[in-house]
PDB file of N, CA and C in Angstrom:
ATOM      1  N   MET A   1      11.740 -22.356  59.217  1.00  0.00           N
ATOM      2  CA  MET A   1      11.171 -22.355  57.813  1.00  0.00           C
ATOM      3  C   MET A   1      11.065 -23.687  57.366  1.00  0.00           C
ATOM      4  N   SER A   2      10.002 -24.049  56.864  1.00  0.00           N
ATOM      5  CA  SER A   2       9.707 -25.454  56.105  1.00  0.00           C
ATOM      6  C   SER A   2      10.321 -25.520  54.806  1.00  0.00           C
ATOM      7  N   GLU A   3      10.554 -26.733  54.317  1.00  0.00           N
ATOM      8  CA  GLU A   3      11.052 -26.877  52.997  1.00  0.00           C
ATOM      9  C   GLU A   3      10.127 -26.467  51.930  1.00  0.00           C
ATOM     10  N   LYS A   4       8.729 -26.558  52.267  1.00  0.00           N
ATOM     11  CA  LYS A   4       7.758 -26.145  51.207  1.00  0.00           C
ATOM     12  C   LYS A   4       8.015 -24.735  50.924  1.00  0.00           C
ATOM     13  N   SER A   5       8.289 -23.751  51.777  1.00  0.00           N
ATOM     14  CA  SER A   5       8.209 -22.388  51.400  1.00  0.00           C
ATOM     15  C   SER A   5       9.675 -21.696  50.994  1.00  0.00           C
ATOM     16  N   LEU A   6      10.583 -22.610  50.912  1.00  0.00           N
ATOM     17  CA  LEU A   6      11.916 -22.227  50.542  1.00  0.00           C
ATOM     18  C   LEU A   6      12.154 -22.331  48.939  1.00  0.00           C
ATOM     19  N   GLY A   7      12.679 -21.192  48.441  1.00  0.00           N
ATOM     20  CA  GLY A   7      13.052 -21.207  46.975  1.00  0.00           C
ATOM     21  C   GLY A   7      11.799 -20.971  46.136  1.00  0.00           C
ATOM     22  N   LEU A   8      12.100 -20.964  44.778  1.00  0.00           N
ATOM     23  CA  LEU A   8      11.173 -20.704  43.894  1.00  0.00           C
ATOM     24  C   LEU A   8      10.128 -21.898  43.778  1.00  0.00           C
ATOM     25  N   ASN A   9      10.730 -23.153  43.728  1.00  0.00           N
ATOM     26  CA  ASN A   9       9.987 -24.367  43.700  1.00  0.00           C
ATOM     27  C   ASN A   9       8.981 -24.452  44.842  1.00  0.00           C
ATOM     28  N   GLY A  10       9.275 -24.057  45.984  1.00  0.00           N
ATOM     29  CA  GLY A  10       8.557 -24.137  47.126  1.00  0.00           C
ATOM     30  C   GLY A  10       7.287 -23.218  46.909  1.00  0.00           C
ATOM     31  N   LEU A  11       7.507 -22.200  46.307  1.00  0.00           N
ATOM     32  CA  LEU A  11       6.406 -21.165  46.257  1.00  0.00           C
ATOM     33  C   LEU A  11       5.254 -21.789  45.291  1.00  0.00           C
ATOM     34  N   GLY A  12       5.808 -22.413  44.200  1.00  0.00           N
ATOM     35  CA  GLY A  12       4.810 -23.009  43.197  1.00  0.00           C
ATOM     36  C   GLY A  12       4.103 -24.237  43.720  1.00  0.00           C
ATOM     37  N   LYS A  13       4.680 -24.884  44.687  1.00  0.00           N
ATOM     38  CA  LYS A  13       3.973 -25.912  45.208  1.00  0.00           C
ATOM     39  C   LYS A  13       2.703 -25.704  46.066  1.00  0.00           C
ATOM     40  N   ILE A  14       2.834 -24.614  46.758  1.00  0.00           N
ATOM     41  CA  ILE A  14       1.828 -24.136  47.832  1.00  0.00           C
ATOM     42  C   ILE A  14       0.790 -23.194  47.161  1.00  0.00           C
ATOM     43  N   ARG A  15       1.207 -22.708  45.906  1.00  0.00           N
ATOM     44  CA  ARG A  15       0.171 -21.843  45.198  1.00  0.00           C
ATOM     45  C   ARG A  15      -1.020 -22.488  44.814  1.00  0.00           C
ATOM     46  N   LYS A  16      -2.256 -21.932  45.177  1.00  0.00           N
ATOM     47  CA  LYS A  16      -3.504 -22.548  44.926  1.00  0.00           C
ATOM     48  C   LYS A  16      -4.110 -22.223  43.540  1.00  0.00           C
ATOM     49  N   ASN A  17      -4.028 -20.903  43.172  1.00  0.00           N
ATOM     50  CA  ASN A  17      -4.776 -20.510  41.997  1.00  0.00           C
ATOM     51  C   ASN A  17      -3.557 -20.192  40.938  1.00  0.00           C
ATOM     52  N   LYS A  18      -3.360 -21.291  40.011  1.00  0.00           N
ATOM     53  CA  LYS A  18      -2.434 -21.141  39.019  1.00  0.00           C
ATOM     54  C   LYS A  18      -3.164 -20.628  37.724  1.00  0.00           C
ATOM     55  N   THR A  19      -2.397 -19.785  37.010  1.00  0.00           N
ATOM     56  CA  THR A  19      -3.097 -19.312  35.639  1.00  0.00           C
ATOM     57  C   THR A  19      -2.672 -20.224  34.533  1.00  0.00           C
ATOM     58  N   PHE A  20      -3.550 -20.568  33.748  1.00  0.00           N
ATOM     59  CA  PHE A  20      -3.239 -21.618  32.624  1.00  0.00           C
ATOM     60  C   PHE A  20      -3.063 -20.751  31.362  1.00  0.00           C
ATOM     61  N   ARG A  21      -2.376 -21.407  30.460  1.00  0.00           N
ATOM     62  CA  ARG A  21      -2.060 -20.745  29.132  1.00  0.00           C
ATOM     63  C   ARG A  21      -3.382 -20.687  28.402  1.00  0.00           C
ATOM     64  N   PRO A  22      -3.448 -19.581  27.677  1.00  0.00           N
ATOM     65  CA  PRO A  22      -4.663 -19.325  26.969  1.00  0.00           C
ATOM     66  C   PRO A  22      -4.514 -20.501  25.749  1.00  0.00           C
ATOM     67  N   GLU A  23      -5.838 -20.580  25.148  1.00  0.00           N
ATOM     68  CA  GLU A  23      -6.034 -21.533  24.160  1.00  0.00           C
ATOM     69  C   GLU A  23      -5.377 -21.096  22.927  1.00  0.00           C
ATOM     70  N   ARG A  24      -4.593 -21.897  22.252  1.00  0.00           N
ATOM     71  CA  ARG A  24      -3.809 -21.390  21.036  1.00  0.00           C
ATOM     72  C   ARG A  24      -4.726 -21.240  19.849  1.00  0.00           C
ATOM     73  N   ILE A  25      -4.754 -20.012  19.165  1.00  0.00           N
ATOM     74  CA  ILE A  25      -5.611 -19.796  18.088  1.00  0.00           C
ATOM     75  C   ILE A  25      -4.700 -19.802  16.764  1.00  0.00           C
ATOM     76  N   GLU A  26      -5.084 -20.811  15.929  1.00  0.00           N
ATOM     77  CA  GLU A  26      -4.177 -20.740  14.624  1.00  0.00           C
ATOM     78  C   GLU A  26      -4.779 -19.574  13.789  1.00  0.00           C
ATOM     79  N   PRO A  27      -3.867 -18.909  13.044  1.00  0.00           N
ATOM     80  CA  PRO A  27      -4.210 -17.872  12.152  1.00  0.00           C
ATOM     81  C   PRO A  27      -4.924 -18.526  10.908  1.00  0.00           C
ATOM     82  N   LYS A  28      -5.688 -17.626  10.499  1.00  0.00           N
ATOM     83  CA  LYS A  28      -6.425 -18.165   9.213  1.00  0.00           C
ATOM     84  C   LYS A  28      -5.484 -17.901   7.989  1.00  0.00           C
ATOM     85  N   VAL A  29      -5.565 -18.963   7.236  1.00  0.00           N
ATOM     86  CA  VAL A  29      -4.719 -18.847   6.012  1.00  0.00           C
ATOM     87  C   VAL A  29      -5.651 -18.436   4.934  1.00  0.00           C
ATOM     88  N   SER A  30      -5.114 -17.293   4.162  1.00  0.00           N
ATOM     89  CA  SER A  30      -5.967 -16.833   2.958  1.00  0.00           C
ATOM     90  C   SER A  30      -6.025 -17.686   1.884  1.00  0.00           C
ATOM     91  N   GLU A  31      -6.997 -17.952   1.195  1.00  0.00           N
ATOM     92  CA  GLU A  31      -7.265 -18.873   0.040  1.00  0.00           C
ATOM     93  C   GLU A  31      -6.273 -18.468  -1.095  1.00  0.00           C
ATOM     94  N   THR A  32      -6.311 -17.206  -1.454  1.00  0.00           N
ATOM     95  CA  THR A  32      -5.547 -16.710  -2.471  1.00  0.00           C
ATOM     96  C   THR A  32      -4.415 -15.683  -2.006  1.00  0.00           C
ATOM     97  N   ILE A  33      -3.336 -15.717  -2.487  1.00  0.00           N
ATOM     98  CA  ILE A  33      -2.198 -14.770  -2.166  1.00  0.00           C
ATOM     99  C   ILE A  33      -2.390 -13.606  -2.853  1.00  0.00           C
ATOM    100  N   ARG A  34      -2.458 -12.435  -2.068  1.00  0.00           N
ATOM    101  CA  ARG A  34      -2.661 -11.110  -2.557  1.00  0.00           C
ATOM    102  C   ARG A  34      -1.395 -10.427  -2.445  1.00  0.00           C
ATOM    103  N   ARG A  35      -0.748  -9.850  -3.640  1.00  0.00           N
ATOM    104  CA  ARG A  35       0.497  -9.250  -3.564  1.00  0.00           C
ATOM    105  C   ARG A  35       0.193  -7.879  -3.710  1.00  0.00           C
ATOM    106  N   SER A  36       0.953  -7.082  -3.042  1.00  0.00           N
ATOM    107  CA  SER A  36       0.640  -5.593  -3.297  1.00  0.00           C
ATOM    108  C   SER A  36       1.514  -5.084  -4.398  1.00  0.00           C
ATOM    109  N   LEU A  37       2.534  -5.795  -4.811  1.00  0.00           N
ATOM    110  CA  LEU A  37       3.220  -5.534  -6.079  1.00  0.00           C
ATOM    111  C   LEU A  37       2.810  -6.314  -7.216  1.00  0.00           C
ATOM    112  N   PRO A  38       2.691  -5.887  -8.192  1.00  0.00           N
ATOM    113  CA  PRO A  38       2.116  -6.664  -9.396  1.00  0.00           C
ATOM    114  C   PRO A  38       3.175  -7.600 -10.122  1.00  0.00           C
ATOM    115  N   ASP A  39       2.827  -8.254 -11.078  1.00  0.00           N
ATOM    116  CA  ASP A  39       3.753  -9.236 -11.756  1.00  0.00           C
ATOM    117  C   ASP A  39       4.736  -8.500 -12.547  1.00  0.00           C
ATOM    118  N   ASP A  40       5.588  -9.137 -13.424  1.00  0.00           N
ATOM    119  CA  ASP A  40       6.465  -8.585 -14.091  1.00  0.00           C
ATOM    120  C   ASP A  40       6.098  -7.332 -15.128  1.00  0.00           C
ATOM    121  N   GLN A  41       4.936  -7.467 -15.676  1.00  0.00           N
ATOM    122  CA  GLN A  41       4.384  -6.608 -16.668  1.00  0.00           C
ATOM    123  C   GLN A  41       3.976  -5.279 -15.878  1.00  0.00           C
ATOM    124  N   ILE A  42       4.683  -4.087 -16.150  1.00  0.00           N
ATOM    125  CA  ILE A  42       4.334  -2.845 -15.543  1.00  0.00           C
ATOM    126  C   ILE A  42       3.572  -1.961 -16.346  1.00  0.00           C
ATOM    127  N   LEU A  43       3.918  -1.827 -17.600  1.00  0.00           N
ATOM    128  CA  LEU A  43       3.300  -0.853 -18.487  1.00  0.00           C
ATOM    129  C   LEU A  43       2.335  -1.846 -19.476  1.00  0.00           C
ATOM    130  N   MET A  44       1.271  -1.306 -19.911  1.00  0.00           N
ATOM    131  CA  MET A  44       0.411  -2.034 -20.870  1.00  0.00           C
ATOM    132  C   MET A  44       1.155  -2.211 -22.337  1.00  0.00           C
ATOM    133  N   HIS A  45       1.002  -3.341 -22.864  1.00  0.00           N
ATOM    134  CA  HIS A  45       1.539  -3.537 -24.276  1.00  0.00           C
ATOM    135  C   HIS A  45       0.342  -3.808 -25.219  1.00  0.00           C
ATOM    136  N   TYR A  46       0.101  -2.959 -26.116  1.00  0.00           N
ATOM    137  CA  TYR A  46      -0.895  -3.116 -27.016  1.00  0.00           C
ATOM    138  C   TYR A  46      -0.449  -4.012 -28.272  1.00  0.00           C
ATOM    139  N   THR A  47      -1.407  -4.730 -28.738  1.00  0.00           N
ATOM    140  CA  THR A  47      -1.199  -5.628 -29.823  1.00  0.00           C
ATOM    141  C   THR A  47      -1.403  -4.877 -31.050  1.00  0.00           C
ATOM    142  N   ARG A  48      -2.352  -3.809 -31.018  1.00  0.00           N
ATOM    143  CA  ARG A  48      -2.609  -3.103 -32.200  1.00  0.00           C
ATOM    144  C   ARG A  48      -1.775  -1.855 -32.402  1.00  0.00           C
ATOM    145  N   LYS A  49      -1.657  -1.357 -33.533  1.00  0.00           N
ATOM    146  CA  LYS A  49      -0.808  -0.164 -33.727  1.00  0.00           C
ATOM    147  C   LYS A  49      -1.353   1.112 -33.055  1.00  0.00           C
ATOM    148  N   LEU A  50      -0.561   1.734 -32.302  1.00  0.00           N
ATOM    149  CA  LEU A  50      -0.910   2.868 -31.577  1.00  0.00           C
ATOM    150  C   LEU A  50      -1.006   4.146 -32.440  1.00  0.00           C
ATOM    151  N   LYS A  51      -2.207   4.925 -32.137  1.00  0.00           N
ATOM    152  CA  LYS A  51      -2.410   6.056 -32.966  1.00  0.00           C
ATOM    153  C   LYS A  51      -1.765   7.327 -32.256  1.00  0.00           C
ATOM    154  N   ALA A  52      -1.716   8.359 -32.915  1.00  0.00           N
ATOM    155  CA  ALA A  52      -1.011   9.596 -32.329  1.00  0.00           C
ATOM    156  C   ALA A  52      -1.669  10.062 -31.029  1.00  0.00           C
ATOM    157  N   LYS A  53      -2.974   9.963 -30.802  1.00  0.00           N
ATOM    158  CA  LYS A  53      -3.616  10.348 -29.555  1.00  0.00           C
ATOM    159  C   LYS A  53      -3.384   9.390 -28.513  1.00  0.00           C
ATOM    160  N   ASP A  54      -2.896   8.033 -28.750  1.00  0.00           N
ATOM    161  CA  ASP A  54      -2.375   7.263 -27.689  1.00  0.00           C
ATOM    162  C   ASP A  54      -1.125   7.476 -27.156  1.00  0.00           C
ATOM    163  N   THR A  55      -0.254   8.142 -27.896  1.00  0.00           N
ATOM    164  CA  THR A  55       1.182   8.341 -27.718  1.00  0.00           C
ATOM    165  C   THR A  55       1.400   9.999 -27.557  1.00  0.00           C
ATOM    166  N   PRO A  56       1.150  10.519 -26.315  1.00  0.00           N
ATOM    167  CA  PRO A  56       1.434  12.030 -26.269  1.00  0.00           C
ATOM    168  C   PRO A  56       2.920  12.267 -26.510  1.00  0.00           C
ATOM    169  N   LYS A  57       3.282  13.383 -27.123  1.00  0.00           N
ATOM    170  CA  LYS A  57       4.486  13.696 -27.480  1.00  0.00           C
ATOM    171  C   LYS A  57       5.115  14.710 -26.532  1.00  0.00           C
ATOM    172  N   SER A  58       5.204  14.350 -25.322  1.00  0.00           N
ATOM    173  CA  SER A  58       5.696  15.302 -24.266  1.00  0.00           C
ATOM    174  C   SER A  58       6.991  15.003 -23.655  1.00  0.00           C
ATOM    175  N   VAL A  59       7.718  14.065 -24.286  1.00  0.00           N
ATOM    176  CA  VAL A  59       9.030  13.720 -23.662  1.00  0.00           C
ATOM    177  C   VAL A  59      10.053  14.491 -24.448  1.00  0.00           C
ATOM    178  N   GLN A  60      10.930  15.390 -23.641  1.00  0.00           N
ATOM    179  CA  GLN A  60      11.901  15.970 -24.413  1.00  0.00           C
ATOM    180  C   GLN A  60      13.268  15.460 -23.879  1.00  0.00           C
ATOM    181  N   THR A  61      14.240  15.072 -24.709  1.00  0.00           N
ATOM    182  CA  THR A  61      15.497  14.577 -24.320  1.00  0.00           C
ATOM    183  C   THR A  61      16.587  15.326 -25.085  1.00  0.00           C
ATOM    184  N   GLN A  62      17.771  15.047 -24.665  1.00  0.00           N
ATOM    185  CA  GLN A  62      18.893  15.764 -25.340  1.00  0.00           C
ATOM    186  C   GLN A  62      19.164  14.973 -26.685  1.00  0.00           C
ATOM    187  N   ILE A  63      19.739  15.631 -27.556  1.00  0.00           N
ATOM    188  CA  ILE A  63      19.971  14.957 -28.885  1.00  0.00           C
ATOM    189  C   ILE A  63      20.609  13.573 -28.928  1.00  0.00           C
ATOM    190  N   ASP A  64      21.566  13.443 -28.121  1.00  0.00           N
ATOM    191  CA  ASP A  64      22.294  12.241 -28.058  1.00  0.00           C
ATOM    192  C   ASP A  64      21.479  11.110 -27.406  1.00  0.00           C
ATOM    193  N   THR A  65      20.677  11.527 -26.463  1.00  0.00           N
ATOM    194  CA  THR A  65      19.624  10.518 -25.916  1.00  0.00           C
ATOM    195  C   THR A  65      18.731  10.090 -26.928  1.00  0.00           C
ATOM    196  N   HIS A  66      18.200  11.123 -27.676  1.00  0.00           N
ATOM    197  CA  HIS A  66      17.128  10.748 -28.750  1.00  0.00           C
ATOM    198  C   HIS A  66      17.702   9.881 -29.754  1.00  0.00           C
ATOM    199  N   MET A  67      18.933  10.090 -30.172  1.00  0.00           N
ATOM    200  CA  MET A  67      19.706   9.239 -31.214  1.00  0.00           C
ATOM    201  C   MET A  67      19.934   7.817 -30.691  1.00  0.00           C
ATOM    202  N   ALA A  68      20.252   7.748 -29.450  1.00  0.00           N
ATOM    203  CA  ALA A  68      20.469   6.468 -28.830  1.00  0.00           C
ATOM    204  C   ALA A  68      19.221   5.656 -28.832  1.00  0.00           C
ATOM    205  N   ILE A  69      18.076   6.249 -28.458  1.00  0.00           N
ATOM    206  CA  ILE A  69      16.734   5.580 -28.485  1.00  0.00           C
ATOM    207  C   ILE A  69      16.296   5.336 -29.892  1.00  0.00           C
ATOM    208  N   LYS A  70      16.623   6.111 -30.894  1.00  0.00           N
ATOM    209  CA  LYS A  70      16.335   5.811 -32.140  1.00  0.00           C
ATOM    210  C   LYS A  70      17.079   4.631 -32.703  1.00  0.00           C
ATOM    211  N   GLN A  71      18.534   4.676 -32.507  1.00  0.00           N
ATOM    212  CA  GLN A  71      19.333   3.440 -33.000  1.00  0.00           C
ATOM    213  C   GLN A  71      18.912   2.326 -32.373  1.00  0.00           C
ATOM    214  N   ILE A  72      18.707   2.192 -30.997  1.00  0.00           N
ATOM    215  CA  ILE A  72      18.218   1.020 -30.428  1.00  0.00           C
ATOM    216  C   ILE A  72      17.031   0.351 -31.073  1.00  0.00           C
ATOM    217  N   GLY A  73      15.903   1.359 -31.404  1.00  0.00           N
ATOM    218  CA  GLY A  73      14.806   0.991 -32.090  1.00  0.00           C
ATOM    219  C   GLY A  73      15.092   0.467 -33.527  1.00  0.00           C
ATOM    220  N   ILE A  74      16.029   0.922 -34.201  1.00  0.00           N
ATOM    221  CA  ILE A  74      16.448   0.497 -35.543  1.00  0.00           C
ATOM    222  C   ILE A  74      17.107  -0.828 -35.432  1.00  0.00           C
ATOM    223  N   VAL A  75      18.031  -1.036 -34.564  1.00  0.00           N
ATOM    224  CA  VAL A  75      18.611  -2.215 -34.375  1.00  0.00           C
ATOM    225  C   VAL A  75      17.679  -3.422 -34.006  1.00  0.00           C
ATOM    226  N   GLU A  76      16.855  -3.100 -33.035  1.00  0.00           N
ATOM    227  CA  GLU A  76      16.016  -4.047 -32.602  1.00  0.00           C
ATOM    228  C   GLU A  76      14.557  -4.143 -33.308  1.00  0.00           C
ATOM    229  N   ASN A  77      14.463  -3.296 -34.388  1.00  0.00           N
ATOM    230  CA  ASN A  77      13.157  -3.262 -35.187  1.00  0.00           C
ATOM    231  C   ASN A  77      12.002  -2.899 -34.269  1.00  0.00           C
ATOM    232  N   LYS A  78      12.155  -1.822 -33.484  1.00  0.00           N
ATOM    233  CA  LYS A  78      11.041  -1.491 -32.641  1.00  0.00           C
ATOM    234  C   LYS A  78      10.788   0.028 -32.839  1.00  0.00           C
ATOM    235  N   LYS A  79       9.606   0.403 -32.379  1.00  0.00           N
ATOM    236  CA  LYS A  79       9.374   1.850 -32.393  1.00  0.00           C
ATOM    237  C   LYS A  79       9.944   2.554 -31.263  1.00  0.00           C
ATOM    238  N   ASN A  80      10.095   3.906 -31.317  1.00  0.00           N
ATOM    239  CA  ASN A  80      10.789   4.579 -30.159  1.00  0.00           C
ATOM    240  C   ASN A  80       9.943   4.354 -28.898  1.00  0.00           C
ATOM    241  N   TYR A  81       8.765   4.457 -29.037  1.00  0.00           N
ATOM    242  CA  TYR A  81       7.912   4.397 -27.710  1.00  0.00           C
ATOM    243  C   TYR A  81       8.100   2.987 -27.043  1.00  0.00           C
ATOM    244  N   GLU A  82       8.344   1.938 -27.897  1.00  0.00           N
ATOM    245  CA  GLU A  82       8.518   0.639 -27.435  1.00  0.00           C
ATOM    246  C   GLU A  82       9.921   0.474 -26.677  1.00  0.00           C
ATOM    247  N   VAL A  83      10.904   1.218 -27.287  1.00  0.00           N
ATOM    248  CA  VAL A  83      12.195   1.203 -26.578  1.00  0.00           C
ATOM    249  C   VAL A  83      12.112   1.982 -25.241  1.00  0.00           C
ATOM    250  N   ILE A  84      11.331   2.975 -25.263  1.00  0.00           N
ATOM    251  CA  ILE A  84      11.291   3.903 -24.095  1.00  0.00           C
ATOM    252  C   ILE A  84      10.588   3.103 -22.988  1.00  0.00           C
ATOM    253  N   ASN A  85       9.373   2.298 -23.382  1.00  0.00           N
ATOM    254  CA  ASN A  85       8.646   1.515 -22.438  1.00  0.00           C
ATOM    255  C   ASN A  85       9.643   0.442 -21.848  1.00  0.00           C
ATOM    256  N   GLU A  86      10.377  -0.325 -22.609  1.00  0.00           N
ATOM    257  CA  GLU A  86      11.374  -1.233 -22.080  1.00  0.00           C
ATOM    258  C   GLU A  86      12.285  -0.546 -21.050  1.00  0.00           C
ATOM    259  N   LEU A  87      12.802   0.571 -21.515  1.00  0.00           N
ATOM    260  CA  LEU A  87      13.690   1.258 -20.510  1.00  0.00           C
ATOM    261  C   LEU A  87      13.235   1.732 -19.312  1.00  0.00           C
ATOM    262  N   VAL A  88      11.923   2.040 -19.324  1.00  0.00           N
ATOM    263  CA  VAL A  88      11.248   2.525 -18.043  1.00  0.00           C
ATOM    264  C   VAL A  88      10.860   1.320 -17.229  1.00  0.00           C
ATOM    265  N   GLU A  89      10.515   0.250 -17.855  1.00  0.00           N
ATOM    266  CA  GLU A  89      10.109  -0.986 -17.124  1.00  0.00           C
ATOM    267  C   GLU A  89      11.342  -1.401 -16.432  1.00  0.00           C
ATOM    268  N   LYS A  90      12.402  -1.507 -17.001  1.00  0.00           N
ATOM    269  CA  LYS A  90      13.723  -2.038 -16.429  1.00  0.00           C
ATOM    270  C   LYS A  90      14.137  -1.123 -15.189  1.00  0.00           C
ATOM    271  N   TYR A  91      13.909   0.171 -15.338  1.00  0.00           N
ATOM    272  CA  TYR A  91      14.279   1.071 -14.342  1.00  0.00           C
ATOM    273  C   TYR A  91      13.284   0.980 -13.067  1.00  0.00           C
ATOM    274  N   ILE A  92      12.041   0.767 -13.411  1.00  0.00           N
ATOM    275  CA  ILE A  92      10.986   0.606 -12.389  1.00  0.00           C
ATOM    276  C   ILE A  92      11.353  -0.676 -11.587  1.00  0.00           C
ATOM    277  N   ASN A  93      11.760  -1.891 -12.295  1.00  0.00           N
ATOM    278  CA  ASN A  93      12.004  -2.985 -11.700  1.00  0.00           C
ATOM    279  C   ASN A  93      13.292  -2.975 -10.790  1.00  0.00           C
ATOM    280  N   ASP A  94      14.189  -2.181 -11.072  1.00  0.00           N
ATOM    281  CA  ASP A  94      15.398  -2.019 -10.213  1.00  0.00           C
ATOM    282  C   ASP A  94      15.304  -1.031  -9.094  1.00  0.00           C
ATOM    283  N   MET A  95      14.132  -0.402  -8.959  1.00  0.00           N
ATOM    284  CA  MET A  95      13.942   0.439  -7.868  1.00  0.00           C
ATOM    285  C   MET A  95      13.451  -0.403  -6.491  1.00  0.00           C
ATOM    286  N   PRO A  96      14.000   0.250  -5.404  1.00  0.00           N
ATOM    287  CA  PRO A  96      13.570  -0.484  -4.049  1.00  0.00           C
ATOM    288  C   PRO A  96      11.966  -0.555  -4.023  1.00  0.00           C
ATOM    289  N   ASP A  97      11.683  -1.642  -3.317  1.00  0.00           N
ATOM    290  CA  ASP A  97      10.095  -1.928  -3.289  1.00  0.00           C
ATOM    291  C   ASP A  97       9.233  -0.712  -2.844  1.00  0.00           C
ATOM    292  N   THR A  98       9.634  -0.056  -1.879  1.00  0.00           N
ATOM    293  CA  THR A  98       8.784   1.113  -1.353  1.00  0.00           C
ATOM    294  C   THR A  98       8.458   2.171  -2.493  1.00  0.00           C
ATOM    295  N   LYS A  99       9.571   2.551  -3.150  1.00  0.00           N
ATOM    296  CA  LYS A  99       9.507   3.532  -4.236  1.00  0.00           C
ATOM    297  C   LYS A  99       8.727   2.972  -5.478  1.00  0.00           C
ATOM    298  N   LYS A 100       8.989   1.554  -5.629  1.00  0.00           N
ATOM    299  CA  LYS A 100       8.194   0.808  -6.908  1.00  0.00           C
ATOM    300  C   LYS A 100       6.796   0.926  -6.685  1.00  0.00           C
ATOM    301  N   LYS A 101       6.364   0.612  -5.384  1.00  0.00           N
ATOM    302  CA  LYS A 101       4.939   0.611  -5.002  1.00  0.00           C
ATOM    303  C   LYS A 101       4.385   1.931  -5.346  1.00  0.00           C
ATOM    304  N   LEU A 102       4.873   2.935  -4.876  1.00  0.00           N
ATOM    305  CA  LEU A 102       4.451   4.230  -5.067  1.00  0.00           C
ATOM    306  C   LEU A 102       4.254   4.635  -6.479  1.00  0.00           C
ATOM    307  N   VAL A 103       5.172   4.298  -7.392  1.00  0.00           N
ATOM    308  CA  VAL A 103       5.177   4.617  -8.814  1.00  0.00           C
ATOM    309  C   VAL A 103       4.093   3.749  -9.461  1.00  0.00           C
ATOM    310  N   MET A 104       4.054   2.489  -8.957  1.00  0.00           N
ATOM    311  CA  MET A 104       2.982   1.495  -9.485  1.00  0.00           C
ATOM    312  C   MET A 104       1.589   1.945  -9.201  1.00  0.00           C
ATOM    313  N   GLU A 105       1.281   2.551  -7.962  1.00  0.00           N
ATOM    314  CA  GLU A 105       0.031   3.070  -7.818  1.00  0.00           C
ATOM    315  C   GLU A 105      -0.421   4.133  -8.752  1.00  0.00           C
ATOM    316  N   PHE A 106       0.388   5.026  -9.127  1.00  0.00           N
ATOM    317  CA  PHE A 106      -0.008   5.968 -10.183  1.00  0.00           C
ATOM    318  C   PHE A 106      -0.019   5.463 -11.536  1.00  0.00           C
ATOM    319  N   ILE A 107       0.784   4.517 -11.843  1.00  0.00           N
ATOM    320  CA  ILE A 107       0.660   3.742 -13.108  1.00  0.00           C
ATOM    321  C   ILE A 107      -0.745   3.148 -13.217  1.00  0.00           C
ATOM    322  N   ARG A 108      -1.105   2.278 -12.291  1.00  0.00           N
ATOM    323  CA  ARG A 108      -2.271   1.584 -12.304  1.00  0.00           C
ATOM    324  C   ARG A 108      -3.422   2.644 -12.360  1.00  0.00           C
ATOM    325  N   GLN A 109      -3.461   3.705 -11.722  1.00  0.00           N
ATOM    326  CA  GLN A 109      -4.531   4.731 -11.683  1.00  0.00           C
ATOM    327  C   GLN A 109      -4.782   5.225 -13.171  1.00  0.00           C
ATOM    328  N   VAL A 110      -3.699   5.429 -13.902  1.00  0.00           N
ATOM    329  CA  VAL A 110      -3.685   5.898 -15.223  1.00  0.00           C
ATOM    330  C   VAL A 110      -4.305   4.887 -16.201  1.00  0.00           C
ATOM    331  N   GLN A 111      -3.786   3.568 -15.827  1.00  0.00           N
ATOM    332  CA  GLN A 111      -4.243   2.492 -16.714  1.00  0.00           C
ATOM    333  C   GLN A 111      -5.729   2.115 -16.590  1.00  0.00           C
ATOM    334  N   ARG A 112      -6.332   2.488 -15.344  1.00  0.00           N
ATOM    335  CA  ARG A 112      -7.623   2.242 -15.274  1.00  0.00           C
ATOM    336  C   ARG A 112      -8.513   3.161 -16.170  1.00  0.00           C
ATOM    337  N   ASN A 113      -7.958   4.444 -16.304  1.00  0.00           N
ATOM    338  CA  ASN A 113      -8.661   5.355 -17.026  1.00  0.00           C
ATOM    339  C   ASN A 113      -8.463   5.302 -18.705  1.00  0.00           C
ATOM    340  N   MET A 114      -7.421   4.425 -19.082  1.00  0.00           N
ATOM    341  CA  MET A 114      -7.132   4.278 -20.603  1.00  0.00           C
ATOM    342  C   MET A 114      -8.090   3.468 -21.211  1.00  0.00           C
ATOM    343  N   PRO A 115      -8.439   3.697 -22.412  1.00  0.00           N
ATOM    344  CA  PRO A 115      -9.315   2.978 -23.216  1.00  0.00           C
ATOM    345  C   PRO A 115      -8.860   1.581 -23.378  1.00  0.00           C
ATOM    346  N   GLU A 116      -9.848   0.614 -23.554  1.00  0.00           N
ATOM    347  CA  GLU A 116      -9.532  -0.918 -23.775  1.00  0.00           C
ATOM    348  C   GLU A 116      -8.917  -0.918 -25.398  1.00  0.00           C
ATOM    349  N   GLU A 117      -8.384  -2.068 -25.457  1.00  0.00           N
ATOM    350  CA  GLU A 117      -7.881  -2.398 -26.772  1.00  0.00           C
ATOM    351  C   GLU A 117      -8.834  -2.450 -27.835  1.00  0.00           C
TER     352      GLU A 117
END
């Protein structure tokens, strides 16, 4: 046996057709960053005073929970729906991203159908 055919190095030296690395293609960088999760604001906050038709009265809570919401509103000088909005936003922000994304899809769908300010 000759020295050219011994070992791995020997095979590479007598090999005629070597394959070459493919040309490296750089990934395209998008101009704007698109996030699937929105910014901090989850629920819409109106500057005008909401009317009865804008706030459906379909939330039922226990009496102690209702009193807690009412007292928080009195202490912070807010309406009950503003207190509930803050509580819901904090709860959604603390959710795992997969669940948060699912909830946000439904919120955005409802917000698209809401009347403008």
